[in-house]
Protein backbone atom coordinates (compact mmCIF):
# COMPACT_ATOMS: atom_id res chain seq x y z
CA UNK A 1 0.04 0.00 -0.01
CA UNK A 2 1.09 3.59 -0.64
CA UNK A 3 0.20 7.03 0.37
CA UNK A 4 -3.14 8.34 -1.00
CA UNK A 5 -2.96 12.09 -1.42
CA UNK A 6 -6.26 13.92 -1.46
CA UNK A 7 -7.05 17.60 -2.39
CA UNK A 8 -8.75 19.75 0.18
CA UNK A 9 -11.90 19.79 -2.01
CA UNK A 10 -11.88 15.97 -2.21
CA UNK A 11 -11.57 15.78 1.59
CA UNK A 12 -14.40 18.35 1.94
CA UNK A 13 -16.58 16.14 -0.27
CA UNK A 14 -15.83 12.97 1.69
CA UNK A 15 -16.68 14.71 4.94
CA UNK A 16 -19.94 16.13 3.54
CA UNK A 17 -21.00 12.71 2.35
CA UNK A 18 -19.89 11.16 5.75
CA UNK A 19 -17.42 8.85 3.92
CA UNK A 20 -14.39 10.01 5.97
CA UNK A 21 -13.26 10.95 9.37
CA UNK A 22 -10.59 13.67 9.44
CA UNK A 23 -7.80 13.28 11.98
CA UNK A 24 -5.54 16.30 12.71
CA UNK A 25 -2.07 15.25 13.66
CA UNK A 26 -0.85 18.71 14.62
CA UNK A 27 -0.07 19.61 18.19
CA UNK A 28 -2.76 20.95 20.59
CA UNK A 29 -1.70 24.49 20.42
CA UNK A 30 -1.97 24.40 16.63
CA UNK A 31 -5.41 22.77 16.82
CA UNK A 32 -6.52 25.38 19.33
CA UNK A 33 -5.48 28.24 17.06
CA UNK A 34 -7.32 27.00 13.88
CA UNK A 35 -8.90 23.72 13.08
CA UNK A 36 -11.18 22.08 10.51
CA UNK A 37 -14.76 21.55 11.75
CA UNK A 38 -15.07 17.86 12.89
CA UNK A 39 -11.48 17.01 12.86
CA UNK A 40 -10.31 14.70 15.68
CA UNK A 41 -7.01 15.58 17.36
CA UNK A 42 -4.37 12.85 17.46
CA UNK A 43 -1.00 14.75 17.74
CA UNK A 44 1.93 13.13 16.07
CA UNK A 45 4.13 13.56 19.17
CA UNK A 46 1.97 11.01 20.92
CA UNK A 47 0.53 9.21 17.99
CA UNK A 48 -0.63 5.64 18.42
CA UNK A 49 -2.41 4.14 15.32
CA UNK A 50 -4.11 1.61 17.55
CA UNK A 51 -5.91 4.38 19.34
CA UNK A 52 -7.64 5.58 16.23
CA UNK A 53 -11.38 5.09 15.88
CA UNK A 54 -12.69 2.40 13.53
CA UNK A 55 -15.43 4.25 11.77
CA UNK A 56 -17.72 1.81 9.94
CA UNK A 57 -18.10 2.56 6.24
CA UNK A 58 -15.63 5.50 6.45
CA UNK A 59 -12.03 6.15 5.68
CA UNK A 60 -9.64 7.94 7.99
CA UNK A 61 -8.03 10.95 6.37
CA UNK A 62 -5.03 12.61 8.11
CA UNK A 63 -4.05 16.18 7.98
CA UNK A 64 -1.45 18.55 9.47
CA UNK A 65 -0.23 22.06 8.73
CA UNK A 66 1.42 21.30 5.32
CA UNK A 67 1.35 17.57 4.59
CA UNK A 68 4.59 16.14 5.99
CA UNK A 69 3.31 15.02 9.47
CA UNK A 70 0.17 13.50 8.01
CA UNK A 71 2.34 11.45 5.60
CA UNK A 72 4.30 10.31 8.63
CA UNK A 73 1.08 9.36 10.36
CA UNK A 74 0.20 7.09 7.34
CA UNK A 75 3.63 5.53 7.42
CA UNK A 76 3.26 4.73 11.18
CA UNK A 77 -0.18 3.11 10.45
CA UNK A 78 1.27 1.00 7.63
CA UNK A 79 4.17 -0.08 9.87
CA UNK A 80 1.62 -1.56 12.35
CA UNK A 81 -0.41 -3.18 9.72
CA UNK A 82 -3.26 -0.58 9.84
CA UNK A 83 -4.54 0.32 6.39
CA UNK A 84 -5.15 3.96 6.86
CA UNK A 85 -3.48 5.40 3.75
CA UNK A 86 -5.04 8.84 3.03
CA UNK A 87 -3.98 12.32 3.86
CA UNK A 88 -4.75 15.77 2.67
CA UNK A 89 -1.94 17.18 0.46
CA UNK A 90 -0.92 20.53 1.69
CA UNK A 91 -2.63 20.21 5.02
CA UNK A 92 -4.75 22.98 6.62
CA UNK A 93 -2.85 25.46 4.54
CA UNK A 94 -4.38 23.95 1.37
CA UNK A 95 -7.80 23.93 3.18
CA UNK A 96 -7.37 27.67 3.77
CA UNK A 97 -6.38 28.41 0.10
CA UNK A 98 -9.39 26.41 -1.09
CA UNK A 99 -11.65 28.86 0.96
CA UNK A 100 -13.02 26.06 3.16
CA UNK A 101 -14.34 26.80 6.68
CA UNK A 102 -12.05 26.92 9.71
CA UNK A 103 -12.79 27.26 13.38
CA UNK A 104 -10.45 29.85 15.06
């Protein structure tokens, strides 16, 4: 399996259709400053793939600030045999650029 990069608009569509759960792997201070509505916080500094929810009928999509940490989260999942491979390319920065809603 390999990294599945999704655009901000693709992630937005998955969230709207309830086909994905968005997991933010940034740190709590970053999450507190600005977050995507509905995103769950699982900071990469203490990330445990086995602690992730198992949403029925949904995929997990990771995001961070720019894409590097969410790609690392995917790699950690795959190392433990957990098949979560999707992340949002460009992170919350791409979400902002796309004009999508953010909670501040």
